[in-house]
Amino acid sequence: LSVLPLAANGLSTDEARALLLKHTRFG
């Protein structure tokens, strides 16, 4: 777990989705 210096609502769903698609790989 990484707790970040950002408000809980400081990242939109679309932004979070784009970050996960770009920076994580599965399978």
PDB file of all heavy atoms in Angstrom:
ATOM      1  N   LEU A   1       0.851  -1.186   0.000  1.00  0.00           N
ATOM      2  CA  LEU A   1       0.000   0.000   0.000  1.00  0.00           C
ATOM      3  C   LEU A   1       0.889   1.238   0.000  1.00  0.00           C
ATOM      4  O   LEU A   1       1.834   1.333   0.790  1.00  0.00           O
ATOM      5  CB  LEU A   1      -0.881   0.023   1.253  1.00  0.00           C
ATOM      6  CG  LEU A   1      -1.711   1.298   1.469  1.00  0.00           C
ATOM      7  CD1 LEU A   1      -2.931   1.293   0.561  1.00  0.00           C
ATOM      8  CD2 LEU A   1      -2.134   1.434   2.931  1.00  0.00           C
ATOM      9  N   SER A   2       0.591   2.186  -0.877  1.00  0.00           N
ATOM     10  CA  SER A   2       1.239   3.498  -0.864  1.00  0.00           C
ATOM     11  C   SER A   2       0.171   4.548  -0.594  1.00  0.00           C
ATOM     12  O   SER A   2      -0.812   4.655  -1.356  1.00  0.00           O
ATOM     13  CB  SER A   2       1.914   3.802  -2.208  1.00  0.00           C
ATOM     14  OG  SER A   2       3.065   3.023  -2.392  1.00  0.00           O
ATOM     15  N   VAL A   3       0.355   5.291   0.491  1.00  0.00           N
ATOM     16  CA  VAL A   3      -0.529   6.415   0.791  1.00  0.00           C
ATOM     17  C   VAL A   3       0.102   7.663   0.190  1.00  0.00           C
ATOM     18  O   VAL A   3       1.269   7.980   0.464  1.00  0.00           O
ATOM     19  CB  VAL A   3      -0.718   6.588   2.311  1.00  0.00           C
ATOM     20  CG1 VAL A   3      -1.667   7.745   2.593  1.00  0.00           C
ATOM     21  CG2 VAL A   3      -1.248   5.299   2.928  1.00  0.00           C
ATOM     22  N   LEU A   4      -0.667   8.366  -0.657  1.00  0.00           N
ATOM     23  CA  LEU A   4      -0.118   9.469  -1.443  1.00  0.00           C
ATOM     24  C   LEU A   4      -0.510  10.820  -0.859  1.00  0.00           C
ATOM     25  O   LEU A   4      -1.565  10.945  -0.225  1.00  0.00           O
ATOM     26  CB  LEU A   4      -0.614   9.356  -2.886  1.00  0.00           C
ATOM     27  CG  LEU A   4      -0.326   8.020  -3.588  1.00  0.00           C
ATOM     28  CD1 LEU A   4      -0.956   8.001  -4.970  1.00  0.00           C
ATOM     29  CD2 LEU A   4       1.170   7.763  -3.670  1.00  0.00           C
ATOM     30  N   PRO A   5       0.303  11.848  -1.093  1.00  0.00           N
ATOM     31  CA  PRO A   5       0.002  13.184  -0.565  1.00  0.00           C
ATOM     32  C   PRO A   5      -1.023  13.913  -1.427  1.00  0.00           C
ATOM     33  O   PRO A   5      -0.818  15.054  -1.867  1.00  0.00           O
ATOM     34  CB  PRO A   5       1.367  13.877  -0.607  1.00  0.00           C
ATOM     35  CG  PRO A   5       2.062  13.256  -1.761  1.00  0.00           C
ATOM     36  CD  PRO A   5       1.610  11.822  -1.782  1.00  0.00           C
ATOM     37  N   LEU A   6      -2.146  13.240  -1.678  1.00  0.00           N
ATOM     38  CA  LEU A   6      -3.214  13.789  -2.500  1.00  0.00           C
ATOM     39  C   LEU A   6      -4.548  13.524  -1.819  1.00  0.00           C
ATOM     40  O   LEU A   6      -4.719  12.512  -1.121  1.00  0.00           O
ATOM     41  CB  LEU A   6      -3.218  13.149  -3.891  1.00  0.00           C
ATOM     42  CG  LEU A   6      -1.980  13.392  -4.767  1.00  0.00           C
ATOM     43  CD1 LEU A   6      -2.025  12.496  -5.997  1.00  0.00           C
ATOM     44  CD2 LEU A   6      -1.883  14.862  -5.166  1.00  0.00           C
ATOM     45  N   ALA A   7      -5.485  14.406  -2.030  1.00  0.00           N
ATOM     46  CA  ALA A   7      -6.817  14.210  -1.466  1.00  0.00           C
ATOM     47  C   ALA A   7      -7.449  12.957  -2.063  1.00  0.00           C
ATOM     48  O   ALA A   7      -7.159  12.584  -3.207  1.00  0.00           O
ATOM     49  CB  ALA A   7      -7.680  15.439  -1.755  1.00  0.00           C
ATOM     50  N   ALA A   8      -8.321  12.332  -1.302  1.00  0.00           N
ATOM     51  CA  ALA A   8      -8.954  11.095  -1.757  1.00  0.00           C
ATOM     52  C   ALA A   8      -9.683  11.276  -3.075  1.00  0.00           C
ATOM     53  O   ALA A   8      -9.742  10.363  -3.903  1.00  0.00           O
ATOM     54  CB  ALA A   8      -9.902  10.584  -0.683  1.00  0.00           C
ATOM     55  N   ASN A   9     -10.243  12.485  -3.302  1.00  0.00           N
ATOM     56  CA  ASN A   9     -10.952  12.780  -4.555  1.00  0.00           C
ATOM     57  C   ASN A   9     -10.099  13.571  -5.529  1.00  0.00           C
ATOM     58  O   ASN A   9     -10.613  14.194  -6.461  1.00  0.00           O
ATOM     59  CB  ASN A   9     -12.247  13.526  -4.257  1.00  0.00           C
ATOM     60  CG  ASN A   9     -11.997  14.856  -3.560  1.00  0.00           C
ATOM     61  OD1 ASN A   9     -10.849  15.194  -3.255  1.00  0.00           O
ATOM     62  ND2 ASN A   9     -13.057  15.606  -3.294  1.00  0.00           N
ATOM     63  N   GLY A  10      -8.764  13.523  -5.316  1.00  0.00           N
ATOM     64  CA  GLY A  10      -7.866  14.336  -6.131  1.00  0.00           C
ATOM     65  C   GLY A  10      -7.524  13.733  -7.477  1.00  0.00           C
ATOM     66  O   GLY A  10      -6.722  14.314  -8.228  1.00  0.00           O
ATOM     67  N   LEU A  11      -8.101  12.590  -7.799  1.00  0.00           N
ATOM     68  CA  LEU A  11      -7.828  11.923  -9.082  1.00  0.00           C
ATOM     69  C   LEU A  11      -9.151  11.434  -9.639  1.00  0.00           C
ATOM     70  O   LEU A  11      -9.880  10.684  -8.976  1.00  0.00           O
ATOM     71  CB  LEU A  11      -6.873  10.742  -8.852  1.00  0.00           C
ATOM     72  CG  LEU A  11      -6.261  10.061 -10.074  1.00  0.00           C
ATOM     73  CD1 LEU A  11      -5.297  11.005 -10.791  1.00  0.00           C
ATOM     74  CD2 LEU A  11      -5.521   8.789  -9.658  1.00  0.00           C
ATOM     75  N   SER A  12      -9.475  11.864 -10.840  1.00  0.00           N
ATOM     76  CA  SER A  12     -10.748  11.433 -11.433  1.00  0.00           C
ATOM     77  C   SER A  12     -10.692   9.968 -11.836  1.00  0.00           C
ATOM     78  O   SER A  12      -9.608   9.385 -11.995  1.00  0.00           O
ATOM     79  CB  SER A  12     -11.065  12.294 -12.663  1.00  0.00           C
ATOM     80  OG  SER A  12     -10.207  11.948 -13.740  1.00  0.00           O
ATOM     81  N   THR A  13     -11.853   9.393 -12.024  1.00  0.00           N
ATOM     82  CA  THR A  13     -11.927   7.992 -12.447  1.00  0.00           C
ATOM     83  C   THR A  13     -11.221   7.788 -13.778  1.00  0.00           C
ATOM     84  O   THR A  13     -10.481   6.822 -13.964  1.00  0.00           O
ATOM     85  CB  THR A  13     -13.395   7.541 -12.543  1.00  0.00           C
ATOM     86  OG1 THR A  13     -13.991   7.598 -11.249  1.00  0.00           O
ATOM     87  CG2 THR A  13     -13.507   6.131 -13.093  1.00  0.00           C
ATOM     88  N   ASP A  14     -11.438   8.707 -14.708  1.00  0.00           N
ATOM     89  CA  ASP A  14     -10.802   8.578 -16.025  1.00  0.00           C
ATOM     90  C   ASP A  14      -9.285   8.664 -15.918  1.00  0.00           C
ATOM     91  O   ASP A  14      -8.553   7.929 -16.597  1.00  0.00           O
ATOM     92  CB  ASP A  14     -11.320   9.655 -16.966  1.00  0.00           C
ATOM     93  CG  ASP A  14     -12.743   9.383 -17.431  1.00  0.00           C
ATOM     94  OD1 ASP A  14     -13.202   8.233 -17.266  1.00  0.00           O
ATOM     95  OD2 ASP A  14     -13.391  10.321 -17.932  1.00  0.00           O
ATOM     96  N   GLU A  15      -8.789   9.577 -15.057  1.00  0.00           N
ATOM     97  CA  GLU A  15      -7.345   9.718 -14.877  1.00  0.00           C
ATOM     98  C   GLU A  15      -6.750   8.460 -14.249  1.00  0.00           C
ATOM     99  O   GLU A  15      -5.696   7.967 -14.676  1.00  0.00           O
ATOM    100  CB  GLU A  15      -7.044  10.932 -14.002  1.00  0.00           C
ATOM    101  CG  GLU A  15      -7.300  12.261 -14.692  1.00  0.00           C
ATOM    102  CD  GLU A  15      -7.207  13.431 -13.731  1.00  0.00           C
ATOM    103  OE1 GLU A  15      -7.567  13.266 -12.543  1.00  0.00           O
ATOM    104  OE2 GLU A  15      -6.770  14.517 -14.157  1.00  0.00           O
ATOM    105  N   ALA A  16      -7.428   7.925 -13.246  1.00  0.00           N
ATOM    106  CA  ALA A  16      -6.953   6.710 -12.578  1.00  0.00           C
ATOM    107  C   ALA A  16      -6.938   5.539 -13.544  1.00  0.00           C
ATOM    108  O   ALA A  16      -5.986   4.743 -13.583  1.00  0.00           O
ATOM    109  CB  ALA A  16      -7.832   6.391 -11.363  1.00  0.00           C
ATOM    110  N   ARG A  17      -7.982   5.459 -14.342  1.00  0.00           N
ATOM    111  CA  ARG A  17      -8.074   4.378 -15.317  1.00  0.00           C
ATOM    112  C   ARG A  17      -6.941   4.461 -16.337  1.00  0.00           C
ATOM    113  O   ARG A  17      -6.296   3.450 -16.657  1.00  0.00           O
ATOM    114  CB  ARG A  17      -9.431   4.440 -16.019  1.00  0.00           C
ATOM    115  CG  ARG A  17      -9.751   3.254 -16.912  1.00  0.00           C
ATOM    116  CD  ARG A  17     -11.162   3.361 -17.482  1.00  0.00           C
ATOM    117  NE  ARG A  17     -11.505   2.155 -18.205  1.00  0.00           N
ATOM    118  CZ  ARG A  17     -11.151   1.893 -19.450  1.00  0.00           C
ATOM    119  NH1 ARG A  17     -10.425   2.799 -20.133  1.00  0.00           N
ATOM    120  NH2 ARG A  17     -11.485   0.761 -20.040  1.00  0.00           N
ATOM    121  N   ALA A  18      -6.666   5.656 -16.811  1.00  0.00           N
ATOM    122  CA  ALA A  18      -5.604   5.830 -17.802  1.00  0.00           C
ATOM    123  C   ALA A  18      -4.235   5.487 -17.213  1.00  0.00           C
ATOM    124  O   ALA A  18      -3.399   4.856 -17.881  1.00  0.00           O
ATOM    125  CB  ALA A  18      -5.617   7.275 -18.314  1.00  0.00           C
ATOM    126  N   LEU A  19      -4.003   5.867 -15.959  1.00  0.00           N
ATOM    127  CA  LEU A  19      -2.723   5.559 -15.316  1.00  0.00           C
ATOM    128  C   LEU A  19      -2.526   4.050 -15.162  1.00  0.00           C
ATOM    129  O   LEU A  19      -1.434   3.523 -15.402  1.00  0.00           O
ATOM    130  CB  LEU A  19      -2.652   6.240 -13.949  1.00  0.00           C
ATOM    131  CG  LEU A  19      -2.428   7.758 -13.970  1.00  0.00           C
ATOM    132  CD1 LEU A  19      -2.652   8.343 -12.587  1.00  0.00           C
ATOM    133  CD2 LEU A  19      -1.024   8.087 -14.471  1.00  0.00           C
ATOM    134  N   LEU A  20      -3.567   3.357 -14.759  1.00  0.00           N
ATOM    135  CA  LEU A  20      -3.452   1.904 -14.574  1.00  0.00           C
ATOM    136  C   LEU A  20      -3.243   1.192 -15.906  1.00  0.00           C
ATOM    137  O   LEU A  20      -2.467   0.226 -15.998  1.00  0.00           O
ATOM    138  CB  LEU A  20      -4.696   1.362 -13.866  1.00  0.00           C
ATOM    139  CG  LEU A  20      -4.843   1.761 -12.393  1.00  0.00           C
ATOM    140  CD1 LEU A  20      -6.178   1.274 -11.829  1.00  0.00           C
ATOM    141  CD2 LEU A  20      -3.693   1.204 -11.554  1.00  0.00           C
ATOM    142  N   LEU A  21      -3.925   1.645 -16.942  1.00  0.00           N
ATOM    143  CA  LEU A  21      -3.763   1.012 -18.248  1.00  0.00           C
ATOM    144  C   LEU A  21      -2.348   1.210 -18.787  1.00  0.00           C
ATOM    145  O   LEU A  21      -1.789   0.322 -19.438  1.00  0.00           O
ATOM    146  CB  LEU A  21      -4.784   1.579 -19.238  1.00  0.00           C
ATOM    147  CG  LEU A  21      -6.218   1.059 -19.084  1.00  0.00           C
ATOM    148  CD1 LEU A  21      -7.170   1.879 -19.945  1.00  0.00           C
ATOM    149  CD2 LEU A  21      -6.291  -0.413 -19.448  1.00  0.00           C
ATOM    150  N   LYS A  22      -1.757   2.380 -18.521  1.00  0.00           N
ATOM    151  CA  LYS A  22      -0.430   2.674 -19.055  1.00  0.00           C
ATOM    152  C   LYS A  22       0.690   2.060 -18.224  1.00  0.00           C
ATOM    153  O   LYS A  22       1.694   1.588 -18.776  1.00  0.00           O
ATOM    154  CB  LYS A  22      -0.232   4.186 -19.131  1.00  0.00           C
ATOM    155  CG  LYS A  22       1.118   4.588 -19.733  1.00  0.00           C
ATOM    156  CD  LYS A  22       1.229   6.101 -19.894  1.00  0.00           C
ATOM    157  CE  LYS A  22       2.572   6.477 -20.535  1.00  0.00           C
ATOM    158  NZ  LYS A  22       2.701   7.945 -20.722  1.00  0.00           N
ATOM    159  N   HIS A  23       0.533   2.019 -16.898  1.00  0.00           N
ATOM    160  CA  HIS A  23       1.662   1.712 -16.024  1.00  0.00           C
ATOM    161  C   HIS A  23       1.579   0.362 -15.315  1.00  0.00           C
ATOM    162  O   HIS A  23       2.419   0.073 -14.464  1.00  0.00           O
ATOM    163  CB  HIS A  23       1.820   2.823 -14.988  1.00  0.00           C
ATOM    164  CG  HIS A  23       2.146   4.151 -15.592  1.00  0.00           C
ATOM    165  ND1 HIS A  23       3.347   4.416 -16.211  1.00  0.00           N
ATOM    166  CD2 HIS A  23       1.405   5.300 -15.710  1.00  0.00           C
ATOM    167  CE1 HIS A  23       3.353   5.654 -16.669  1.00  0.00           C
ATOM    168  NE2 HIS A  23       2.189   6.213 -16.377  1.00  0.00           N
ATOM    169  N   THR A  24       0.585  -0.457 -15.641  1.00  0.00           N
ATOM    170  CA  THR A  24       0.534  -1.812 -15.071  1.00  0.00           C
ATOM    171  C   THR A  24       0.308  -2.820 -16.187  1.00  0.00           C
ATOM    172  O   THR A  24      -0.275  -2.498 -17.230  1.00  0.00           O
ATOM    173  CB  THR A  24      -0.589  -1.962 -14.015  1.00  0.00           C
ATOM    174  OG1 THR A  24      -1.882  -1.814 -14.648  1.00  0.00           O
ATOM    175  CG2 THR A  24      -0.442  -0.926 -12.915  1.00  0.00           C
ATOM    176  N   ARG A  25       0.781  -4.038 -15.963  1.00  0.00           N
ATOM    177  CA  ARG A  25       0.606  -5.140 -16.925  1.00  0.00           C
ATOM    178  C   ARG A  25       0.217  -6.392 -16.146  1.00  0.00           C
ATOM    179  O   ARG A  25       0.752  -6.647 -15.062  1.00  0.00           O
ATOM    180  CB  ARG A  25       1.904  -5.414 -17.699  1.00  0.00           C
ATOM    181  CG  ARG A  25       2.349  -4.250 -18.565  1.00  0.00           C
ATOM    182  CD  ARG A  25       1.536  -4.154 -19.854  1.00  0.00           C
ATOM    183  NE  ARG A  25       1.804  -2.909 -20.574  1.00  0.00           N
ATOM    184  CZ  ARG A  25       2.750  -2.745 -21.472  1.00  0.00           C
ATOM    185  NH1 ARG A  25       3.571  -3.752 -21.766  1.00  0.00           N
ATOM    186  NH2 ARG A  25       2.910  -1.599 -22.093  1.00  0.00           N
ATOM    187  N   PHE A  26      -0.697  -7.193 -16.719  1.00  0.00           N
ATOM    188  CA  PHE A  26      -1.203  -8.384 -16.050  1.00  0.00           C
ATOM    189  C   PHE A  26      -1.232  -9.583 -16.991  1.00  0.00           C
ATOM    190  O   PHE A  26      -1.427  -9.430 -18.191  1.00  0.00           O
ATOM    191  CB  PHE A  26      -2.642  -8.142 -15.555  1.00  0.00           C
ATOM    192  CG  PHE A  26      -2.740  -7.235 -14.361  1.00  0.00           C
ATOM    193  CD1 PHE A  26      -2.745  -5.866 -14.518  1.00  0.00           C
ATOM    194  CD2 PHE A  26      -2.809  -7.755 -13.078  1.00  0.00           C
ATOM    195  CE1 PHE A  26      -2.822  -5.022 -13.427  1.00  0.00           C
ATOM    196  CE2 PHE A  26      -2.880  -6.927 -11.984  1.00  0.00           C
ATOM    197  CZ  PHE A  26      -2.895  -5.557 -12.149  1.00  0.00           C
ATOM    198  N   GLY A  27      -1.078 -10.781 -16.412  1.00  0.00           N
ATOM    199  CA  GLY A  27      -1.297 -12.005 -17.151  1.00  0.00           C
ATOM    200  C   GLY A  27      -0.055 -12.850 -17.336  1.00  0.00           C
ATOM    201  O   GLY A  27       1.079 -12.382 -17.161  1.00  0.00           O
TER     202      GLY A  27
END
